[in-house]
Amino acid sequence: MLNNIGLPGLLLIAVVVLVLFGRGKISSLMGEVGKGITAFKRGVDDGKKELDDSFGDARDVTPDASVDKADKDKV
């Protein structure tokens, strides 16, 4: 359905939206969208940092590979 719009159709849609909403309303809307994207990125970065900090306190509990459990029982 949207494959046949083309450049003239997109320009016509842009002009109609501009006439309906006005330049000021569209400008403020785009500013809010930009603030939302910035807040989302900041939240993702904070979440990554929080995860990295919580895993920094983790300790390695992997058993020693040189001692086999079956050999340890025989000793």
PDB file of N, CA and C in Angstrom:
ATOM      1  N   MET A   1       0.817  -1.191   0.000  1.00  0.00           N
ATOM      2  CA  MET A   1       0.000   0.000   0.000  1.00  0.00           C
ATOM      3  C   MET A   1       0.866   1.263   0.000  1.00  0.00           C
ATOM      4  N   LEU A   2       1.880   1.331   0.863  1.00  0.00           N
ATOM      5  CA  LEU A   2       2.724   2.526   0.945  1.00  0.00           C
ATOM      6  C   LEU A   2       3.884   2.491  -0.037  1.00  0.00           C
ATOM      7  N   ASN A   3       3.995   1.442  -0.813  1.00  0.00           N
ATOM      8  CA  ASN A   3       5.112   1.329  -1.752  1.00  0.00           C
ATOM      9  C   ASN A   3       4.984   2.292  -2.921  1.00  0.00           C
ATOM     10  N   ASN A   4       3.788   2.777  -3.219  1.00  0.00           N
ATOM     11  CA  ASN A   4       3.563   3.604  -4.400  1.00  0.00           C
ATOM     12  C   ASN A   4       3.481   5.094  -4.091  1.00  0.00           C
ATOM     13  N   ILE A   5       3.863   5.529  -2.891  1.00  0.00           N
ATOM     14  CA  ILE A   5       3.727   6.944  -2.545  1.00  0.00           C
ATOM     15  C   ILE A   5       4.727   7.793  -3.318  1.00  0.00           C
ATOM     16  N   GLY A   6       5.996   7.524  -3.206  1.00  0.00           N
ATOM     17  CA  GLY A   6       7.007   8.285  -3.925  1.00  0.00           C
ATOM     18  C   GLY A   6       7.265   9.643  -3.309  1.00  0.00           C
ATOM     19  N   LEU A   7       8.182  10.377  -3.902  1.00  0.00           N
ATOM     20  CA  LEU A   7       8.588  11.684  -3.390  1.00  0.00           C
ATOM     21  C   LEU A   7       7.474  12.732  -3.482  1.00  0.00           C
ATOM     22  N   PRO A   8       6.751  12.834  -4.596  1.00  0.00           N
ATOM     23  CA  PRO A   8       5.676  13.837  -4.648  1.00  0.00           C
ATOM     24  C   PRO A   8       4.595  13.593  -3.597  1.00  0.00           C
ATOM     25  N   GLY A   9       4.282  12.348  -3.339  1.00  0.00           N
ATOM     26  CA  GLY A   9       3.279  12.033  -2.322  1.00  0.00           C
ATOM     27  C   GLY A   9       3.745  12.404  -0.932  1.00  0.00           C
ATOM     28  N   LEU A  10       5.019  12.124  -0.634  1.00  0.00           N
ATOM     29  CA  LEU A  10       5.574  12.493   0.673  1.00  0.00           C
ATOM     30  C   LEU A  10       5.597  13.999   0.866  1.00  0.00           C
ATOM     31  N   LEU A  11       5.941  14.731  -0.190  1.00  0.00           N
ATOM     32  CA  LEU A  11       5.939  16.194  -0.097  1.00  0.00           C
ATOM     33  C   LEU A  11       4.524  16.728   0.132  1.00  0.00           C
ATOM     34  N   LEU A  12       3.548  16.146  -0.528  1.00  0.00           N
ATOM     35  CA  LEU A  12       2.165  16.567  -0.343  1.00  0.00           C
ATOM     36  C   LEU A  12       1.699  16.305   1.084  1.00  0.00           C
ATOM     37  N   ILE A  13       2.055  15.138   1.620  1.00  0.00           N
ATOM     38  CA  ILE A  13       1.704  14.815   3.013  1.00  0.00           C
ATOM     39  C   ILE A  13       2.367  15.794   3.971  1.00  0.00           C
ATOM     40  N   ALA A  14       3.645  16.121   3.733  1.00  0.00           N
ATOM     41  CA  ALA A  14       4.357  17.065   4.597  1.00  0.00           C
ATOM     42  C   ALA A  14       3.700  18.437   4.570  1.00  0.00           C
ATOM     43  N   VAL A  15       3.277  18.895   3.405  1.00  0.00           N
ATOM     44  CA  VAL A  15       2.633  20.202   3.291  1.00  0.00           C
ATOM     45  C   VAL A  15       1.295  20.202   4.020  1.00  0.00           C
ATOM     46  N   VAL A  16       0.523  19.130   3.871  1.00  0.00           N
ATOM     47  CA  VAL A  16      -0.781  19.054   4.539  1.00  0.00           C
ATOM     48  C   VAL A  16      -0.601  19.056   6.059  1.00  0.00           C
ATOM     49  N   VAL A  17       0.371  18.300   6.564  1.00  0.00           N
ATOM     50  CA  VAL A  17       0.630  18.260   8.011  1.00  0.00           C
ATOM     51  C   VAL A  17       1.066  19.635   8.497  1.00  0.00           C
ATOM     52  N   LEU A  18       1.914  20.299   7.728  1.00  0.00           N
ATOM     53  CA  LEU A  18       2.374  21.635   8.111  1.00  0.00           C
ATOM     54  C   LEU A  18       1.220  22.627   8.157  1.00  0.00           C
ATOM     55  N   VAL A  19       0.316  22.554   7.207  1.00  0.00           N
ATOM     56  CA  VAL A  19      -0.834  23.467   7.177  1.00  0.00           C
ATOM     57  C   VAL A  19      -1.779  23.173   8.345  1.00  0.00           C
ATOM     58  N   LEU A  20      -2.014  21.896   8.629  1.00  0.00           N
ATOM     59  CA  LEU A  20      -2.953  21.535   9.690  1.00  0.00           C
ATOM     60  C   LEU A  20      -2.440  21.905  11.082  1.00  0.00           C
ATOM     61  N   PHE A  21      -1.177  21.603  11.348  1.00  0.00           N
ATOM     62  CA  PHE A  21      -0.657  21.780  12.707  1.00  0.00           C
ATOM     63  C   PHE A  21       0.138  23.057  12.907  1.00  0.00           C
ATOM     64  N   GLY A  22       0.679  23.607  11.882  1.00  0.00           N
ATOM     65  CA  GLY A  22       1.476  24.825  12.020  1.00  0.00           C
ATOM     66  C   GLY A  22       2.916  24.509  12.390  1.00  0.00           C
ATOM     67  N   ARG A  23       3.785  25.460  12.069  1.00  0.00           N
ATOM     68  CA  ARG A  23       5.215  25.249  12.271  1.00  0.00           C
ATOM     69  C   ARG A  23       5.584  25.163  13.746  1.00  0.00           C
ATOM     70  N   GLY A  24       4.963  25.967  14.579  1.00  0.00           N
ATOM     71  CA  GLY A  24       5.291  25.988  16.005  1.00  0.00           C
ATOM     72  C   GLY A  24       4.931  24.687  16.699  1.00  0.00           C
ATOM     73  N   LYS A  25       3.767  24.147  16.370  1.00  0.00           N
ATOM     74  CA  LYS A  25       3.317  22.900  16.991  1.00  0.00           C
ATOM     75  C   LYS A  25       4.217  21.733  16.579  1.00  0.00           C
ATOM     76  N   ILE A  26       4.583  21.675  15.305  1.00  0.00           N
ATOM     77  CA  ILE A  26       5.451  20.595  14.831  1.00  0.00           C
ATOM     78  C   ILE A  26       6.835  20.723  15.460  1.00  0.00           C
ATOM     79  N   SER A  27       7.329  21.955  15.575  1.00  0.00           N
ATOM     80  CA  SER A  27       8.640  22.183  16.180  1.00  0.00           C
ATOM     81  C   SER A  27       8.660  21.730  17.638  1.00  0.00           C
ATOM     82  N   SER A  28       7.630  22.070  18.390  1.00  0.00           N
ATOM     83  CA  SER A  28       7.593  21.659  19.797  1.00  0.00           C
ATOM     84  C   SER A  28       7.423  20.145  19.921  1.00  0.00           C
ATOM     85  N   LEU A  29       6.673  19.547  19.001  1.00  0.00           N
ATOM     86  CA  LEU A  29       6.494  18.103  19.013  1.00  0.00           C
ATOM     87  C   LEU A  29       7.821  17.388  18.755  1.00  0.00           C
ATOM     88  N   MET A  30       8.578  17.870  17.795  1.00  0.00           N
ATOM     89  CA  MET A  30       9.876  17.261  17.495  1.00  0.00           C
ATOM     90  C   MET A  30      10.852  17.452  18.667  1.00  0.00           C
ATOM     91  N   GLY A  31      10.754  18.588  19.350  1.00  0.00           N
ATOM     92  CA  GLY A  31      11.590  18.807  20.531  1.00  0.00           C
ATOM     93  C   GLY A  31      11.268  17.805  21.627  1.00  0.00           C
ATOM     94  N   GLU A  32       9.997  17.516  21.824  1.00  0.00           N
ATOM     95  CA  GLU A  32       9.589  16.528  22.828  1.00  0.00           C
ATOM     96  C   GLU A  32      10.045  15.130  22.444  1.00  0.00           C
ATOM     97  N   VAL A  33       9.970  14.817  21.156  1.00  0.00           N
ATOM     98  CA  VAL A  33      10.450  13.510  20.690  1.00  0.00           C
ATOM     99  C   VAL A  33      11.952  13.387  20.950  1.00  0.00           C
ATOM    100  N   GLY A  34      12.699  14.429  20.684  1.00  0.00           N
ATOM    101  CA  GLY A  34      14.145  14.422  20.938  1.00  0.00           C
ATOM    102  C   GLY A  34      14.460  14.243  22.409  1.00  0.00           C
ATOM    103  N   LYS A  35      13.705  14.913  23.272  1.00  0.00           N
ATOM    104  CA  LYS A  35      13.913  14.760  24.723  1.00  0.00           C
ATOM    105  C   LYS A  35      13.601  13.339  25.164  1.00  0.00           C
ATOM    106  N   GLY A  36      12.565  12.756  24.580  1.00  0.00           N
ATOM    107  CA  GLY A  36      12.206  11.377  24.919  1.00  0.00           C
ATOM    108  C   GLY A  36      13.287  10.394  24.508  1.00  0.00           C
ATOM    109  N   ILE A  37      13.853  10.585  23.327  1.00  0.00           N
ATOM    110  CA  ILE A  37      14.921   9.701  22.853  1.00  0.00           C
ATOM    111  C   ILE A  37      16.148   9.847  23.744  1.00  0.00           C
ATOM    112  N   THR A  38      16.484  11.076  24.110  1.00  0.00           N
ATOM    113  CA  THR A  38      17.634  11.313  24.988  1.00  0.00           C
ATOM    114  C   THR A  38      17.426  10.656  26.352  1.00  0.00           C
ATOM    115  N   ALA A  39      16.231  10.784  26.909  1.00  0.00           N
ATOM    116  CA  ALA A  39      15.937  10.167  28.204  1.00  0.00           C
ATOM    117  C   ALA A  39      15.996   8.650  28.111  1.00  0.00           C
ATOM    118  N   PHE A  40      15.527   8.080  27.013  1.00  0.00           N
ATOM    119  CA  PHE A  40      15.587   6.629  26.827  1.00  0.00           C
ATOM    120  C   PHE A  40      17.029   6.145  26.769  1.00  0.00           C
ATOM    121  N   LYS A  41      17.861   6.837  25.999  1.00  0.00           N
ATOM    122  CA  LYS A  41      19.274   6.449  25.897  1.00  0.00           C
ATOM    123  C   LYS A  41      19.964   6.563  27.254  1.00  0.00           C
ATOM    124  N   ARG A  42      19.667   7.628  28.000  1.00  0.00           N
ATOM    125  CA  ARG A  42      20.259   7.807  29.323  1.00  0.00           C
ATOM    126  C   ARG A  42      19.835   6.668  30.253  1.00  0.00           C
ATOM    127  N   GLY A  43      18.572   6.265  30.177  1.00  0.00           N
ATOM    128  CA  GLY A  43      18.082   5.161  30.996  1.00  0.00           C
ATOM    129  C   GLY A  43      18.758   3.848  30.654  1.00  0.00           C
ATOM    130  N   VAL A  44      18.967   3.602  29.370  1.00  0.00           N
ATOM    131  CA  VAL A  44      19.647   2.378  28.951  1.00  0.00           C
ATOM    132  C   VAL A  44      21.087   2.384  29.456  1.00  0.00           C
ATOM    133  N   ASP A  45      21.771   3.508  29.336  1.00  0.00           N
ATOM    134  CA  ASP A  45      23.157   3.606  29.814  1.00  0.00           C
ATOM    135  C   ASP A  45      23.232   3.418  31.324  1.00  0.00           C
ATOM    136  N   ASP A  46      22.289   4.006  32.065  1.00  0.00           N
ATOM    137  CA  ASP A  46      22.267   3.836  33.521  1.00  0.00           C
ATOM    138  C   ASP A  46      22.015   2.381  33.896  1.00  0.00           C
ATOM    139  N   GLY A  47      21.134   1.719  33.161  1.00  0.00           N
ATOM    140  CA  GLY A  47      20.858   0.305  33.422  1.00  0.00           C
ATOM    141  C   GLY A  47      22.079  -0.563  33.166  1.00  0.00           C
ATOM    142  N   LYS A  48      22.802  -0.287  32.086  1.00  0.00           N
ATOM    143  CA  LYS A  48      24.031  -1.042  31.793  1.00  0.00           C
ATOM    144  C   LYS A  48      25.059  -0.819  32.893  1.00  0.00           C
ATOM    145  N   LYS A  49      25.197   0.439  33.330  1.00  0.00           N
ATOM    146  CA  LYS A  49      26.171   0.751  34.376  1.00  0.00           C
ATOM    147  C   LYS A  49      25.802   0.040  35.675  1.00  0.00           C
ATOM    148  N   GLU A  50      24.517   0.019  36.005  1.00  0.00           N
ATOM    149  CA  GLU A  50      24.065  -0.644  37.221  1.00  0.00           C
ATOM    150  C   GLU A  50      24.341  -2.148  37.161  1.00  0.00           C
ATOM    151  N   LEU A  51      24.106  -2.751  36.001  1.00  0.00           N
ATOM    152  CA  LEU A  51      24.398  -4.180  35.846  1.00  0.00           C
ATOM    153  C   LEU A  51      25.890  -4.459  35.955  1.00  0.00           C
ATOM    154  N   ASP A  52      26.705  -3.616  35.328  1.00  0.00           N
ATOM    155  CA  ASP A  52      28.148  -3.799  35.410  1.00  0.00           C
ATOM    156  C   ASP A  52      28.643  -3.662  36.846  1.00  0.00           C
ATOM    157  N   ASP A  53      28.084  -2.710  37.578  1.00  0.00           N
ATOM    158  CA  ASP A  53      28.482  -2.525  38.977  1.00  0.00           C
ATOM    159  C   ASP A  53      28.084  -3.723  39.832  1.00  0.00           C
ATOM    160  N   SER A  54      26.916  -4.283  39.580  1.00  0.00           N
ATOM    161  CA  SER A  54      26.466  -5.419  40.395  1.00  0.00           C
ATOM    162  C   SER A  54      27.267  -6.675  40.074  1.00  0.00           C
ATOM    163  N   PHE A  55      27.704  -6.839  38.832  1.00  0.00           N
ATOM    164  CA  PHE A  55      28.513  -8.003  38.492  1.00  0.00           C
ATOM    165  C   PHE A  55      29.967  -7.817  38.900  1.00  0.00           C
ATOM    166  N   GLY A  56      30.377  -6.599  39.216  1.00  0.00           N
ATOM    167  CA  GLY A  56      31.747  -6.362  39.654  1.00  0.00           C
ATOM    168  C   GLY A  56      32.025  -6.992  41.012  1.00  0.00           C
ATOM    169  N   ASP A  57      31.003  -7.200  41.837  1.00  0.00           N
ATOM    170  CA  ASP A  57      31.165  -7.800  43.154  1.00  0.00           C
ATOM    171  C   ASP A  57      31.082  -9.318  43.117  1.00  0.00           C
ATOM    172  N   ALA A  58      30.787  -9.878  41.966  1.00  0.00           N
ATOM    173  CA  ALA A  58      30.648 -11.335  41.852  1.00  0.00           C
ATOM    174  C   ALA A  58      32.017 -12.000  41.980  1.00  0.00           C
ATOM    175  N   ARG A  59      32.006 -13.212  42.529  1.00  0.00           N
ATOM    176  CA  ARG A  59      33.271 -13.933  42.660  1.00  0.00           C
ATOM    177  C   ARG A  59      33.200 -15.209  41.847  1.00  0.00           C
ATOM    178  N   ASP A  60      34.345 -15.702  41.455  1.00  0.00           N
ATOM    179  CA  ASP A  60      34.423 -16.897  40.626  1.00  0.00           C
ATOM    180  C   ASP A  60      34.323 -18.130  41.522  1.00  0.00           C
ATOM    181  N   VAL A  61      33.345 -18.986  41.256  1.00  0.00           N
ATOM    182  CA  VAL A  61      33.158 -20.209  42.048  1.00  0.00           C
ATOM    183  C   VAL A  61      33.406 -21.452  41.205  1.00  0.00           C
ATOM    184  N   THR A  62      34.114 -21.293  40.109  1.00  0.00           N
ATOM    185  CA  THR A  62      34.420 -22.420  39.242  1.00  0.00           C
ATOM    186  C   THR A  62      35.409 -23.335  39.947  1.00  0.00           C
ATOM    187  N   PRO A  63      35.123 -24.648  40.000  1.00  0.00           N
ATOM    188  CA  PRO A  63      36.063 -25.561  40.658  1.00  0.00           C
ATOM    189  C   PRO A  63      37.370 -25.651  39.901  1.00  0.00           C
ATOM    190  N   ASP A  64      38.407 -25.996  40.612  1.00  0.00           N
ATOM    191  CA  ASP A  64      39.732 -26.131  40.019  1.00  0.00           C
ATOM    192  C   ASP A  64      39.714 -27.276  39.007  1.00  0.00           C
ATOM    193  N   ALA A  65      40.160 -27.014  37.799  1.00  0.00           N
ATOM    194  CA  ALA A  65      40.102 -28.015  36.729  1.00  0.00           C
ATOM    195  C   ALA A  65      41.114 -29.124  36.939  1.00  0.00           C
ATOM    196  N   SER A  66      42.190 -28.876  37.684  1.00  0.00           N
ATOM    197  CA  SER A  66      43.237 -29.893  37.852  1.00  0.00           C
ATOM    198  C   SER A  66      42.803 -31.004  38.810  1.00  0.00           C
ATOM    199  N   VAL A  67      41.842 -30.760  39.684  1.00  0.00           N
ATOM    200  CA  VAL A  67      41.382 -31.776  40.624  1.00  0.00           C
ATOM    201  C   VAL A  67      40.035 -32.302  40.140  1.00  0.00           C
ATOM    202  N   ASP A  68      40.029 -33.566  39.764  1.00  0.00           N
ATOM    203  CA  ASP A  68      38.794 -34.192  39.311  1.00  0.00           C
ATOM    204  C   ASP A  68      38.027 -34.678  40.536  1.00  0.00           C
ATOM    205  N   LYS A  69      36.735 -34.558  40.521  1.00  0.00           N
ATOM    206  CA  LYS A  69      35.901 -34.919  41.659  1.00  0.00           C
ATOM    207  C   LYS A  69      36.021 -36.413  41.980  1.00  0.00           C
ATOM    208  N   ALA A  70      36.093 -37.262  40.951  1.00  0.00           N
ATOM    209  CA  ALA A  70      36.201 -38.709  41.167  1.00  0.00           C
ATOM    210  C   ALA A  70      37.553 -39.055  41.797  1.00  0.00           C
ATOM    211  N   ASP A  71      38.625 -38.376  41.374  1.00  0.00           N
ATOM    212  CA  ASP A  71      39.959 -38.635  41.940  1.00  0.00           C
ATOM    213  C   ASP A  71      40.038 -38.140  43.375  1.00  0.00           C
ATOM    214  N   LYS A  72      39.329 -37.104  43.689  1.00  0.00           N
ATOM    215  CA  LYS A  72      39.359 -36.518  45.032  1.00  0.00           C
ATOM    216  C   LYS A  72      38.739 -37.487  46.037  1.00  0.00           C
ATOM    217  N   ASP A  73      37.677 -38.243  45.637  1.00  0.00           N
ATOM    218  CA  ASP A  73      37.044 -39.191  46.525  1.00  0.00           C
ATOM    219  C   ASP A  73      37.962 -40.382  46.849  1.00  0.00           C
ATOM    220  N   LYS A  74      38.867 -40.752  45.946  1.00  0.00           N
ATOM    221  CA  LYS A  74      39.776 -41.878  46.139  1.00  0.00           C
ATOM    222  C   LYS A  74      40.908 -41.520  47.099  1.00  0.00           C
ATOM    223  N   VAL A  75      41.227 -40.257  47.217  1.00  0.00           N
ATOM    224  CA  VAL A  75      42.370 -39.827  48.036  1.00  0.00           C
ATOM    225  C   VAL A  75      42.042 -39.849  49.470  1.00  0.00           C
TER     226      VAL A  75
END
